[in-house]
């Protein structure tokens, strides 16, 4: 598939927004960089990531309520879910399920607390952020099953009565690995004959295990944002060699949804960062939507790098992007 976008006149390499470039350079000068599992143990890399997120998190958006509850899986595993309710939230309104990024190996509901709060404030919805288990300790489909468990709890009487949302009106927002997880969630709901979500916002997702695209060549080894080498490592942990999913997860599109059949799925709002090695993943997923005449929107964040949405407290472009994403979701419900 050829990755083309009618909002782009050519495939020339773009430059990072100068304000974002200076911000990232300033963080790097302070030693605040994303952890690299290619050069350090995963535990050490996670600690480095946590320090980075602490540095960019303040000030956090004020919300009326924030707590962590547990959803119980059929096998008894407890899945933590962070719940954020904005000021003035009305009863029986839609809820937002948030799936965080981090290549399935990094981040959690604590590192992303600032983003969870911002989503609640900007959307006006109750936000439920799932703390799915991470690779390399687990592989596919464990994170997907954890997310299905969280969604089932959101749809149950106990949580809807406790938190005040409408269980039949739920949308999902995911970034990077979380976008991949969001698509897998919708495909799994269809596969199991369960009620579908009402919409999805998917930011700079990883939709296929491939590293030879134009955007990988342009942005995958330039020291900005996500690298192709790290992306390859993430895929290797999620889908390790010799992985044989059980029959309930045998559909290859649950793992690599780039060209999945989209019939029965809700409207999709696709978002891409221009200076991102995963840019072509979103452009090609958009082509899948267009080819199947599936309802969708597409927005390109020019001059942005992978992961820029985390910078809501220090980069105006991140908050503007989140506002657009939540607006797209609110239009769906």
C-alpha atoms as a PDB file:
ATOM      1  CA  UNK A   1       0.000   0.000   0.000  1.00  0.00           C
ATOM      2  CA  UNK A   2       1.307   3.418  -0.878  1.00  0.00           C
ATOM      3  CA  UNK A   3       1.167   5.892   1.985  1.00  0.00           C
ATOM      4  CA  UNK A   4      -0.233   9.102   0.545  1.00  0.00           C
ATOM      5  CA  UNK A   5      -2.160  11.944   2.096  1.00  0.00           C
ATOM      6  CA  UNK A   6      -4.029  14.621   0.193  1.00  0.00           C
ATOM      7  CA  UNK A   7      -3.064  17.176   2.875  1.00  0.00           C
ATOM      8  CA  UNK A   8       0.610  16.709   1.958  1.00  0.00           C
ATOM      9  CA  UNK A   9       2.018  17.933  -1.315  1.00  0.00           C
ATOM     10  CA  UNK A  10       5.031  15.622  -1.314  1.00  0.00           C
ATOM     11  CA  UNK A  11       7.037  13.286   0.876  1.00  0.00           C
ATOM     12  CA  UNK A  12       9.800  15.675   1.765  1.00  0.00           C
ATOM     13  CA  UNK A  13      11.070  15.365   5.323  1.00  0.00           C
ATOM     14  CA  UNK A  14       9.445  17.944   7.593  1.00  0.00           C
ATOM     15  CA  UNK A  15      11.093  19.982  10.332  1.00  0.00           C
ATOM     16  CA  UNK A  16      10.091  19.829  13.943  1.00  0.00           C
ATOM     17  CA  UNK A  17       8.179  22.800  15.335  1.00  0.00           C
ATOM     18  CA  UNK A  18      10.958  25.119  16.660  1.00  0.00           C
ATOM     19  CA  UNK A  19       9.140  25.589  19.980  1.00  0.00           C
ATOM     20  CA  UNK A  20       8.804  21.836  20.425  1.00  0.00           C
ATOM     21  CA  UNK A  21      12.400  21.290  19.333  1.00  0.00           C
ATOM     22  CA  UNK A  22      13.711  23.748  21.927  1.00  0.00           C
ATOM     23  CA  UNK A  23      11.514  22.230  24.626  1.00  0.00           C
ATOM     24  CA  UNK A  24      12.769  18.716  23.938  1.00  0.00           C
ATOM     25  CA  UNK A  25      16.365  19.949  23.756  1.00  0.00           C
ATOM     26  CA  UNK A  26      15.928  21.643  27.135  1.00  0.00           C
ATOM     27  CA  UNK A  27      14.639  18.446  28.689  1.00  0.00           C
ATOM     28  CA  UNK A  28      17.558  16.519  27.192  1.00  0.00           C
ATOM     29  CA  UNK A  29      20.050  19.014  28.654  1.00  0.00           C
ATOM     30  CA  UNK A  30      18.550  18.207  32.059  1.00  0.00           C
ATOM     31  CA  UNK A  31      19.085  14.510  31.406  1.00  0.00           C
ATOM     32  CA  UNK A  32      15.364  13.908  30.931  1.00  0.00           C
ATOM     33  CA  UNK A  33      15.146  11.395  28.111  1.00  0.00           C
ATOM     34  CA  UNK A  34      12.950   8.424  27.357  1.00  0.00           C
ATOM     35  CA  UNK A  35      14.375   5.166  28.655  1.00  0.00           C
ATOM     36  CA  UNK A  36      15.926   2.907  26.055  1.00  0.00           C
ATOM     37  CA  UNK A  37      15.400  -0.857  26.492  1.00  0.00           C
ATOM     38  CA  UNK A  38      18.047  -1.447  23.826  1.00  0.00           C
ATOM     39  CA  UNK A  39      20.802  -0.058  26.049  1.00  0.00           C
ATOM     40  CA  UNK A  40      19.611  -0.713  29.613  1.00  0.00           C
ATOM     41  CA  UNK A  41      17.517  -3.217  31.569  1.00  0.00           C
ATOM     42  CA  UNK A  42      13.773  -2.660  31.286  1.00  0.00           C
ATOM     43  CA  UNK A  43      13.451  -1.790  34.991  1.00  0.00           C
ATOM     44  CA  UNK A  44      16.090   0.926  34.661  1.00  0.00           C
ATOM     45  CA  UNK A  45      14.541   2.234  31.445  1.00  0.00           C
ATOM     46  CA  UNK A  46      11.153   2.489  33.141  1.00  0.00           C
ATOM     47  CA  UNK A  47      12.632   4.480  36.028  1.00  0.00           C
ATOM     48  CA  UNK A  48      14.169   6.901  33.528  1.00  0.00           C
ATOM     49  CA  UNK A  49      10.808   7.250  31.806  1.00  0.00           C
ATOM     50  CA  UNK A  50       9.103   7.942  35.121  1.00  0.00           C
ATOM     51  CA  UNK A  51      11.542  10.765  35.851  1.00  0.00           C
ATOM     52  CA  UNK A  52      10.767  12.259  32.449  1.00  0.00           C
ATOM     53  CA  UNK A  53       7.022  12.172  33.072  1.00  0.00           C
ATOM     54  CA  UNK A  54       7.371  13.696  36.537  1.00  0.00           C
ATOM     55  CA  UNK A  55       9.237  16.616  35.010  1.00  0.00           C
ATOM     56  CA  UNK A  56       6.563  17.424  32.442  1.00  0.00           C
ATOM     57  CA  UNK A  57       3.472  16.690  34.544  1.00  0.00           C
ATOM     58  CA  UNK A  58       3.118  19.884  36.551  1.00  0.00           C
ATOM     59  CA  UNK A  59       0.832  21.698  36.884  1.00  0.00           C
ATOM     60  CA  UNK A  60      -1.799  18.980  36.744  1.00  0.00           C
ATOM     61  CA  UNK A  61      -5.367  19.802  35.771  1.00  0.00           C
ATOM     62  CA  UNK A  62      -7.732  19.946  38.732  1.00  0.00           C
ATOM     63  CA  UNK A  63     -10.613  17.455  38.660  1.00  0.00           C
ATOM     64  CA  UNK A  64     -13.538  16.846  40.986  1.00  0.00           C
ATOM     65  CA  UNK A  65     -12.656  13.225  41.656  1.00  0.00           C
ATOM     66  CA  UNK A  66      -9.767  10.868  41.031  1.00  0.00           C
ATOM     67  CA  UNK A  67      -9.384   7.345  42.306  1.00  0.00           C
ATOM     68  CA  UNK A  68      -8.122   3.887  41.395  1.00  0.00           C
ATOM     69  CA  UNK A  69     -10.511   0.954  41.328  1.00  0.00           C
ATOM     70  CA  UNK A  70     -10.063  -2.640  40.254  1.00  0.00           C
ATOM     71  CA  UNK A  71     -11.892  -4.626  37.607  1.00  0.00           C
ATOM     72  CA  UNK A  72     -11.820  -8.381  38.080  1.00  0.00           C
ATOM     73  CA  UNK A  73     -11.065 -10.573  35.074  1.00  0.00           C
ATOM     74  CA  UNK A  74     -12.713 -13.983  34.570  1.00  0.00           C
ATOM     75  CA  UNK A  75      -9.463 -15.624  35.727  1.00  0.00           C
ATOM     76  CA  UNK A  76      -9.447 -13.543  38.905  1.00  0.00           C
ATOM     77  CA  UNK A  77      -6.746 -11.087  37.867  1.00  0.00           C
ATOM     78  CA  UNK A  78      -7.354  -7.573  39.192  1.00  0.00           C
ATOM     79  CA  UNK A  79      -6.957  -4.826  36.571  1.00  0.00           C
ATOM     80  CA  UNK A  80      -6.375  -1.350  38.079  1.00  0.00           C
ATOM     81  CA  UNK A  81      -8.336   1.479  36.462  1.00  0.00           C
ATOM     82  CA  UNK A  82      -7.842   5.167  37.244  1.00  0.00           C
ATOM     83  CA  UNK A  83     -11.061   7.178  37.206  1.00  0.00           C
ATOM     84  CA  UNK A  84     -11.048  10.964  36.692  1.00  0.00           C
ATOM     85  CA  UNK A  85     -14.261  12.986  36.880  1.00  0.00           C
ATOM     86  CA  UNK A  86     -14.178  16.654  35.862  1.00  0.00           C
ATOM     87  CA  UNK A  87     -15.826  19.494  37.729  1.00  0.00           C
ATOM     88  CA  UNK A  88     -19.471  19.931  36.792  1.00  0.00           C
ATOM     89  CA  UNK A  89     -19.821  16.484  35.221  1.00  0.00           C
ATOM     90  CA  UNK A  90     -23.469  15.679  34.652  1.00  0.00           C
ATOM     91  CA  UNK A  91     -25.040  12.323  35.397  1.00  0.00           C
ATOM     92  CA  UNK A  92     -25.662   9.741  32.674  1.00  0.00           C
ATOM     93  CA  UNK A  93     -23.218  11.250  30.189  1.00  0.00           C
ATOM     94  CA  UNK A  94     -20.773   9.356  27.947  1.00  0.00           C
ATOM     95  CA  UNK A  95     -17.571   7.906  29.348  1.00  0.00           C
ATOM     96  CA  UNK A  96     -14.094   7.768  27.855  1.00  0.00           C
ATOM     97  CA  UNK A  97     -11.893   4.678  28.091  1.00  0.00           C
ATOM     98  CA  UNK A  98      -8.247   5.718  27.813  1.00  0.00           C
ATOM     99  CA  UNK A  99      -5.524   3.311  26.640  1.00  0.00           C
ATOM    100  CA  UNK A 100      -2.065   4.757  27.269  1.00  0.00           C
ATOM    101  CA  UNK A 101       0.923   4.419  24.987  1.00  0.00           C
ATOM    102  CA  UNK A 102       4.462   3.330  25.756  1.00  0.00           C
ATOM    103  CA  UNK A 103       5.092   0.513  23.289  1.00  0.00           C
ATOM    104  CA  UNK A 104       3.216  -1.859  25.628  1.00  0.00           C
ATOM    105  CA  UNK A 105       6.379  -1.950  27.768  1.00  0.00           C
ATOM    106  CA  UNK A 106       6.450   1.514  29.351  1.00  0.00           C
ATOM    107  CA  UNK A 107       4.160   3.911  31.210  1.00  0.00           C
ATOM    108  CA  UNK A 108       1.096   3.304  33.359  1.00  0.00           C
ATOM    109  CA  UNK A 109      -1.805   5.154  34.977  1.00  0.00           C
ATOM    110  CA  UNK A 110       0.640   6.950  37.280  1.00  0.00           C
ATOM    111  CA  UNK A 111       3.013   8.305  34.639  1.00  0.00           C
ATOM    112  CA  UNK A 112      -0.012   9.411  32.594  1.00  0.00           C
ATOM    113  CA  UNK A 113      -1.968  10.982  35.451  1.00  0.00           C
ATOM    114  CA  UNK A 114      -1.508  14.473  33.977  1.00  0.00           C
ATOM    115  CA  UNK A 115      -2.840  13.321  30.613  1.00  0.00           C
ATOM    116  CA  UNK A 116      -5.792  11.499  32.179  1.00  0.00           C
ATOM    117  CA  UNK A 117      -6.759  14.644  34.079  1.00  0.00           C
ATOM    118  CA  UNK A 118      -6.400  16.827  30.984  1.00  0.00           C
ATOM    119  CA  UNK A 119      -8.642  14.478  28.999  1.00  0.00           C
ATOM    120  CA  UNK A 120     -11.336  14.670  31.677  1.00  0.00           C
ATOM    121  CA  UNK A 121     -11.257  18.469  31.758  1.00  0.00           C
ATOM    122  CA  UNK A 122     -11.190  18.926  27.987  1.00  0.00           C
ATOM    123  CA  UNK A 123     -13.831  16.312  27.199  1.00  0.00           C
ATOM    124  CA  UNK A 124     -16.147  16.889  30.134  1.00  0.00           C
ATOM    125  CA  UNK A 125     -16.413  13.092  30.342  1.00  0.00           C
ATOM    126  CA  UNK A 126     -15.546  10.656  33.073  1.00  0.00           C
ATOM    127  CA  UNK A 127     -12.227   9.109  32.033  1.00  0.00           C
ATOM    128  CA  UNK A 128     -11.362   5.498  32.839  1.00  0.00           C
ATOM    129  CA  UNK A 129      -7.671   4.709  32.214  1.00  0.00           C
ATOM    130  CA  UNK A 130      -6.807   1.019  32.136  1.00  0.00           C
ATOM    131  CA  UNK A 131      -3.546  -0.160  33.717  1.00  0.00           C
ATOM    132  CA  UNK A 132      -3.036  -3.178  31.478  1.00  0.00           C
ATOM    133  CA  UNK A 133      -0.149  -5.556  32.089  1.00  0.00           C
ATOM    134  CA  UNK A 134       2.993  -4.752  30.121  1.00  0.00           C
ATOM    135  CA  UNK A 135       5.569  -6.496  28.003  1.00  0.00           C
ATOM    136  CA  UNK A 136       8.075  -8.112  28.224  1.00  0.00           C
ATOM    137  CA  UNK A 137       6.542  -9.687  31.347  1.00  0.00           C
ATOM    138  CA  UNK A 138       3.506 -10.653  29.241  1.00  0.00           C
ATOM    139  CA  UNK A 139       2.749 -10.719  25.518  1.00  0.00           C
ATOM    140  CA  UNK A 140      -0.309 -10.601  23.282  1.00  0.00           C
ATOM    141  CA  UNK A 141      -3.224 -10.944  24.077  1.00  0.00           C
ATOM    142  CA  UNK A 142      -2.848 -10.142  27.789  1.00  0.00           C
ATOM    143  CA  UNK A 143      -3.080  -6.322  27.456  1.00  0.00           C
ATOM    144  CA  UNK A 144      -6.156  -6.735  25.253  1.00  0.00           C
ATOM    145  CA  UNK A 145      -7.845  -9.047  27.764  1.00  0.00           C
ATOM    146  CA  UNK A 146      -7.120  -6.576  30.576  1.00  0.00           C
ATOM    147  CA  UNK A 147      -8.735  -3.801  28.543  1.00  0.00           C
ATOM    148  CA  UNK A 148     -11.790  -5.933  27.808  1.00  0.00           C
ATOM    149  CA  UNK A 149     -12.062  -6.538  31.555  1.00  0.00           C
ATOM    150  CA  UNK A 150     -11.962  -2.794  32.263  1.00  0.00           C
ATOM    151  CA  UNK A 151     -14.605  -2.115  29.625  1.00  0.00           C
ATOM    152  CA  UNK A 152     -16.889  -4.813  31.032  1.00  0.00           C
ATOM    153  CA  UNK A 153     -16.669  -3.168  34.463  1.00  0.00           C
ATOM    154  CA  UNK A 154     -17.466   0.239  32.942  1.00  0.00           C
ATOM    155  CA  UNK A 155     -20.586  -1.292  31.406  1.00  0.00           C
ATOM    156  CA  UNK A 156     -21.678  -2.934  34.644  1.00  0.00           C
ATOM    157  CA  UNK A 157     -24.325  -1.606  37.007  1.00  0.00           C
ATOM    158  CA  UNK A 158     -21.947  -1.214  39.941  1.00  0.00           C
ATOM    159  CA  UNK A 159     -19.529   1.180  38.230  1.00  0.00           C
ATOM    160  CA  UNK A 160     -22.145   3.102  36.280  1.00  0.00           C
ATOM    161  CA  UNK A 161     -24.117   3.722  39.497  1.00  0.00           C
ATOM    162  CA  UNK A 162     -20.985   4.598  41.439  1.00  0.00           C
ATOM    163  CA  UNK A 163     -19.434   6.973  38.909  1.00  0.00           C
ATOM    164  CA  UNK A 164     -22.538   8.263  37.136  1.00  0.00           C
ATOM    165  CA  UNK A 165     -21.776   7.574  33.468  1.00  0.00           C
ATOM    166  CA  UNK A 166     -24.042   6.083  30.819  1.00  0.00           C
ATOM    167  CA  UNK A 167     -22.733   2.504  30.297  1.00  0.00           C
ATOM    168  CA  UNK A 168     -24.115   2.249  26.770  1.00  0.00           C
ATOM    169  CA  UNK A 169     -22.209   5.320  25.572  1.00  0.00           C
ATOM    170  CA  UNK A 170     -18.484   4.713  25.762  1.00  0.00           C
ATOM    171  CA  UNK A 171     -15.735   5.938  23.457  1.00  0.00           C
ATOM    172  CA  UNK A 172     -12.058   5.041  23.465  1.00  0.00           C
ATOM    173  CA  UNK A 173      -8.958   7.181  23.070  1.00  0.00           C
ATOM    174  CA  UNK A 174      -5.546   5.623  22.597  1.00  0.00           C
ATOM    175  CA  UNK A 175      -2.122   6.930  21.661  1.00  0.00           C
ATOM    176  CA  UNK A 176       0.678   4.893  20.064  1.00  0.00           C
ATOM    177  CA  UNK A 177       0.418   1.384  21.555  1.00  0.00           C
ATOM    178  CA  UNK A 178      -2.861   2.551  23.063  1.00  0.00           C
ATOM    179  CA  UNK A 179      -4.199   3.262  19.573  1.00  0.00           C
ATOM    180  CA  UNK A 180      -3.253  -0.271  18.520  1.00  0.00           C
ATOM    181  CA  UNK A 181      -5.002  -1.531  21.641  1.00  0.00           C
ATOM    182  CA  UNK A 182      -8.093   0.545  20.872  1.00  0.00           C
ATOM    183  CA  UNK A 183      -8.448  -0.987  17.408  1.00  0.00           C
ATOM    184  CA  UNK A 184      -7.881  -4.468  18.804  1.00  0.00           C
ATOM    185  CA  UNK A 185     -10.547  -3.815  21.419  1.00  0.00           C
ATOM    186  CA  UNK A 186     -13.160  -2.914  18.801  1.00  0.00           C
ATOM    187  CA  UNK A 187     -12.252  -5.905  16.636  1.00  0.00           C
ATOM    188  CA  UNK A 188     -12.458  -8.221  19.657  1.00  0.00           C
ATOM    189  CA  UNK A 189     -15.895  -6.853  20.599  1.00  0.00           C
ATOM    190  CA  UNK A 190     -17.133  -7.581  17.083  1.00  0.00           C
ATOM    191  CA  UNK A 191     -15.551 -11.025  17.104  1.00  0.00           C
ATOM    192  CA  UNK A 192     -17.256 -11.921  20.403  1.00  0.00           C
ATOM    193  CA  UNK A 193     -20.624 -10.444  19.497  1.00  0.00           C
ATOM    194  CA  UNK A 194     -20.443  -7.849  22.285  1.00  0.00           C
ATOM    195  CA  UNK A 195     -21.865  -4.311  22.120  1.00  0.00           C
ATOM    196  CA  UNK A 196     -19.610  -1.992  20.166  1.00  0.00           C
ATOM    197  CA  UNK A 197     -18.092   1.277  21.336  1.00  0.00           C
ATOM    198  CA  UNK A 198     -19.542   4.516  19.978  1.00  0.00           C
ATOM    199  CA  UNK A 199     -16.321   5.927  18.597  1.00  0.00           C
ATOM    200  CA  UNK A 200     -12.550   6.007  18.791  1.00  0.00           C
ATOM    201  CA  UNK A 201      -9.797   8.603  18.669  1.00  0.00           C
ATOM    202  CA  UNK A 202      -6.497   7.033  17.649  1.00  0.00           C
ATOM    203  CA  UNK A 203      -3.262   9.025  17.821  1.00  0.00           C
ATOM    204  CA  UNK A 204      -0.052   8.038  15.995  1.00  0.00           C
ATOM    205  CA  UNK A 205      -0.797   4.336  16.308  1.00  0.00           C
ATOM    206  CA  UNK A 206       1.334   1.272  15.585  1.00  0.00           C
ATOM    207  CA  UNK A 207      -0.814  -0.750  13.193  1.00  0.00           C
ATOM    208  CA  UNK A 208       1.588  -3.153  11.450  1.00  0.00           C
ATOM    209  CA  UNK A 209       4.911  -4.773  12.187  1.00  0.00           C
ATOM    210  CA  UNK A 210       6.923  -3.120   9.417  1.00  0.00           C
ATOM    211  CA  UNK A 211       9.970  -0.871   9.341  1.00  0.00           C
ATOM    212  CA  UNK A 212      10.587  -0.130   5.648  1.00  0.00           C
ATOM    213  CA  UNK A 213       8.106   2.701   5.135  1.00  0.00           C
ATOM    214  CA  UNK A 214       9.014   6.198   4.002  1.00  0.00           C
ATOM    215  CA  UNK A 215       8.379   7.614   7.460  1.00  0.00           C
ATOM    216  CA  UNK A 216      10.592   5.023   9.140  1.00  0.00           C
ATOM    217  CA  UNK A 217      13.411   5.964   6.773  1.00  0.00           C
ATOM    218  CA  UNK A 218      12.795   9.689   7.283  1.00  0.00           C
ATOM    219  CA  UNK A 219      12.266   9.851  11.041  1.00  0.00           C
ATOM    220  CA  UNK A 220      13.245   6.498  12.517  1.00  0.00           C
ATOM    221  CA  UNK A 221      16.875   7.295  13.242  1.00  0.00           C
ATOM    222  CA  UNK A 222      17.087  11.048  13.746  1.00  0.00           C
ATOM    223  CA  UNK A 223      17.124  11.184  17.535  1.00  0.00           C
ATOM    224  CA  UNK A 224      13.645  12.745  17.733  1.00  0.00           C
ATOM    225  CA  UNK A 225      10.819  10.892  19.418  1.00  0.00           C
ATOM    226  CA  UNK A 226      10.405   7.208  18.663  1.00  0.00           C
ATOM    227  CA  UNK A 227      13.145   5.295  16.818  1.00  0.00           C
ATOM    228  CA  UNK A 228      12.643   2.444  14.380  1.00  0.00           C
ATOM    229  CA  UNK A 229      14.983   0.254  16.445  1.00  0.00           C
ATOM    230  CA  UNK A 230      12.920   0.792  19.584  1.00  0.00           C
ATOM    231  CA  UNK A 231       9.717   0.188  17.636  1.00  0.00           C
ATOM    232  CA  UNK A 232      11.093  -3.136  16.431  1.00  0.00           C
ATOM    233  CA  UNK A 233      11.889  -4.077  20.045  1.00  0.00           C
ATOM    234  CA  UNK A 234       8.344  -3.197  21.130  1.00  0.00           C
ATOM    235  CA  UNK A 235       6.837  -5.441  18.461  1.00  0.00           C
ATOM    236  CA  UNK A 236       9.236  -8.271  19.361  1.00  0.00           C
ATOM    237  CA  UNK A 237       8.012  -8.203  22.977  1.00  0.00           C
ATOM    238  CA  UNK A 238       4.331  -7.999  22.073  1.00  0.00           C
ATOM    239  CA  UNK A 239       4.506 -10.698  19.394  1.00  0.00           C
ATOM    240  CA  UNK A 240       7.575 -12.781  20.277  1.00  0.00           C
ATOM    241  CA  UNK A 241       8.836 -15.426  17.835  1.00  0.00           C
ATOM    242  CA  UNK A 242       6.832 -18.607  18.101  1.00  0.00           C
ATOM    243  CA  UNK A 243       3.798 -16.915  19.646  1.00  0.00           C
ATOM    244  CA  UNK A 244       0.684 -18.959  18.929  1.00  0.00           C
ATOM    245  CA  UNK A 245      -2.435 -17.176  20.163  1.00  0.00           C
ATOM    246  CA  UNK A 246      -5.345 -19.262  21.373  1.00  0.00           C
ATOM    247  CA  UNK A 247      -8.182 -19.722  18.872  1.00  0.00           C
ATOM    248  CA  UNK A 248     -10.128 -16.816  20.369  1.00  0.00           C
ATOM    249  CA  UNK A 249      -7.326 -14.531  19.211  1.00  0.00           C
ATOM    250  CA  UNK A 250      -6.309 -16.294  16.013  1.00  0.00           C
ATOM    251  CA  UNK A 251      -7.428 -13.391  13.798  1.00  0.00           C
ATOM    252  CA  UNK A 252      -4.133 -11.793  12.632  1.00  0.00           C
ATOM    253  CA  UNK A 253      -5.814  -8.395  12.377  1.00  0.00           C
ATOM    254  CA  UNK A 254      -6.181  -8.318  16.162  1.00  0.00           C
ATOM    255  CA  UNK A 255      -2.393  -8.159  16.226  1.00  0.00           C
ATOM    256  CA  UNK A 256      -1.751  -6.105  13.080  1.00  0.00           C
ATOM    257  CA  UNK A 257      -4.963  -4.213  12.232  1.00  0.00           C
ATOM    258  CA  UNK A 258      -3.651  -2.061   9.382  1.00  0.00           C
ATOM    259  CA  UNK A 259      -5.830  -3.721   6.742  1.00  0.00           C
ATOM    260  CA  UNK A 260      -8.563  -5.168   8.946  1.00  0.00           C
ATOM    261  CA  UNK A 261     -12.175  -5.398   7.801  1.00  0.00           C
ATOM    262  CA  UNK A 262     -13.864  -2.446   9.542  1.00  0.00           C
ATOM    263  CA  UNK A 263     -17.526  -3.354   9.066  1.00  0.00           C
ATOM    264  CA  UNK A 264     -19.420  -3.020  12.332  1.00  0.00           C
ATOM    265  CA  UNK A 265     -16.840  -0.751  13.935  1.00  0.00           C
ATOM    266  CA  UNK A 266     -17.795   2.775  15.029  1.00  0.00           C
ATOM    267  CA  UNK A 267     -16.513   6.010  13.454  1.00  0.00           C
ATOM    268  CA  UNK A 268     -12.773   6.554  13.819  1.00  0.00           C
ATOM    269  CA  UNK A 269     -10.889   9.795  14.349  1.00  0.00           C
ATOM    270  CA  UNK A 270      -7.320   9.291  13.153  1.00  0.00           C
ATOM    271  CA  UNK A 271      -4.457  11.564  14.180  1.00  0.00           C
ATOM    272  CA  UNK A 272      -0.840  11.568  13.036  1.00  0.00           C
ATOM    273  CA  UNK A 273       2.304  13.437  14.016  1.00  0.00           C
ATOM    274  CA  UNK A 274       4.178  14.715  10.986  1.00  0.00           C
ATOM    275  CA  UNK A 275       7.725  14.040  12.261  1.00  0.00           C
ATOM    276  CA  UNK A 276       7.103  10.462  13.360  1.00  0.00           C
ATOM    277  CA  UNK A 277       8.394   7.140  12.107  1.00  0.00           C
ATOM    278  CA  UNK A 278       4.825   5.822  12.504  1.00  0.00           C
ATOM    279  CA  UNK A 279       3.316   8.504  10.264  1.00  0.00           C
ATOM    280  CA  UNK A 280       2.750   6.023   7.435  1.00  0.00           C
ATOM    281  CA  UNK A 281       0.922   3.646   9.767  1.00  0.00           C
ATOM    282  CA  UNK A 282      -1.824   6.218  10.213  1.00  0.00           C
ATOM    283  CA  UNK A 283      -1.784   7.341   6.581  1.00  0.00           C
ATOM    284  CA  UNK A 284      -2.169   3.753   5.423  1.00  0.00           C
ATOM    285  CA  UNK A 285      -4.837   3.000   8.011  1.00  0.00           C
ATOM    286  CA  UNK A 286      -6.661   6.022   6.645  1.00  0.00           C
ATOM    287  CA  UNK A 287      -6.450   4.467   3.181  1.00  0.00           C
ATOM    288  CA  UNK A 288      -8.019   1.307   4.617  1.00  0.00           C
ATOM    289  CA  UNK A 289     -10.902   3.423   5.934  1.00  0.00           C
ATOM    290  CA  UNK A 290     -11.327   5.195   2.599  1.00  0.00           C
ATOM    291  CA  UNK A 291     -11.197   1.973   0.584  1.00  0.00           C
ATOM    292  CA  UNK A 292     -13.916   0.441   2.764  1.00  0.00           C
ATOM    293  CA  UNK A 293     -15.940   3.660   2.903  1.00  0.00           C
ATOM    294  CA  UNK A 294     -15.728   3.547   6.695  1.00  0.00           C
ATOM    295  CA  UNK A 295     -16.683   6.767   8.547  1.00  0.00           C
ATOM    296  CA  UNK A 296     -13.551   8.493   9.741  1.00  0.00           C
ATOM    297  CA  UNK A 297     -11.755  11.789  10.085  1.00  0.00           C
ATOM    298  CA  UNK A 298      -8.078  12.542   9.784  1.00  0.00           C
ATOM    299  CA  UNK A 299      -5.926  15.272  11.297  1.00  0.00           C
ATOM    300  CA  UNK A 300      -2.211  15.779  10.812  1.00  0.00           C
ATOM    301  CA  UNK A 301      -0.273  17.572  13.556  1.00  0.00           C
ATOM    302  CA  UNK A 302       2.402  19.358  11.563  1.00  0.00           C
ATOM    303  CA  UNK A 303       5.847  19.770  13.072  1.00  0.00           C
ATOM    304  CA  UNK A 304       4.993  17.346  15.877  1.00  0.00           C
ATOM    305  CA  UNK A 305       6.981  14.316  16.999  1.00  0.00           C
ATOM    306  CA  UNK A 306       5.791  11.000  18.356  1.00  0.00           C
ATOM    307  CA  UNK A 307       4.622  11.298  21.952  1.00  0.00           C
ATOM    308  CA  UNK A 308       4.123  15.075  21.914  1.00  0.00           C
ATOM    309  CA  UNK A 309       0.660  14.742  23.481  1.00  0.00           C
ATOM    310  CA  UNK A 310       2.304  14.097  26.850  1.00  0.00           C
ATOM    311  CA  UNK A 311       3.572  17.681  26.925  1.00  0.00           C
ATOM    312  CA  UNK A 312       0.202  19.228  27.806  1.00  0.00           C
ATOM    313  CA  UNK A 313       1.642  21.208  30.714  1.00  0.00           C
ATOM    314  CA  UNK A 314       4.566  22.724  28.828  1.00  0.00           C
ATOM    315  CA  UNK A 315       3.671  22.793  25.117  1.00  0.00           C
ATOM    316  CA  UNK A 316       0.493  24.586  23.943  1.00  0.00           C
ATOM    317  CA  UNK A 317       0.336  22.463  20.798  1.00  0.00           C
ATOM    318  CA  UNK A 318      -0.243  19.331  22.880  1.00  0.00           C
ATOM    319  CA  UNK A 319      -3.236  20.756  24.694  1.00  0.00           C
ATOM    320  CA  UNK A 320      -4.662  22.105  21.424  1.00  0.00           C
ATOM    321  CA  UNK A 321      -4.296  18.639  19.916  1.00  0.00           C
ATOM    322  CA  UNK A 322      -6.050  16.990  22.866  1.00  0.00           C
ATOM    323  CA  UNK A 323      -8.860  19.530  22.626  1.00  0.00           C
ATOM    324  CA  UNK A 324      -9.361  18.587  18.969  1.00  0.00           C
ATOM    325  CA  UNK A 325      -9.288  14.871  19.756  1.00  0.00           C
ATOM    326  CA  UNK A 326     -11.879  15.165  22.518  1.00  0.00           C
ATOM    327  CA  UNK A 327     -14.037  17.368  20.292  1.00  0.00           C
ATOM    328  CA  UNK A 328     -14.033  14.637  17.643  1.00  0.00           C
ATOM    329  CA  UNK A 329     -15.088  12.096  20.281  1.00  0.00           C
ATOM    330  CA  UNK A 330     -17.875  14.283  21.665  1.00  0.00           C
ATOM    331  CA  UNK A 331     -19.281  14.639  18.155  1.00  0.00           C
ATOM    332  CA  UNK A 332     -19.554  10.848  17.975  1.00  0.00           C
ATOM    333  CA  UNK A 333     -21.743  10.550  21.085  1.00  0.00           C
END
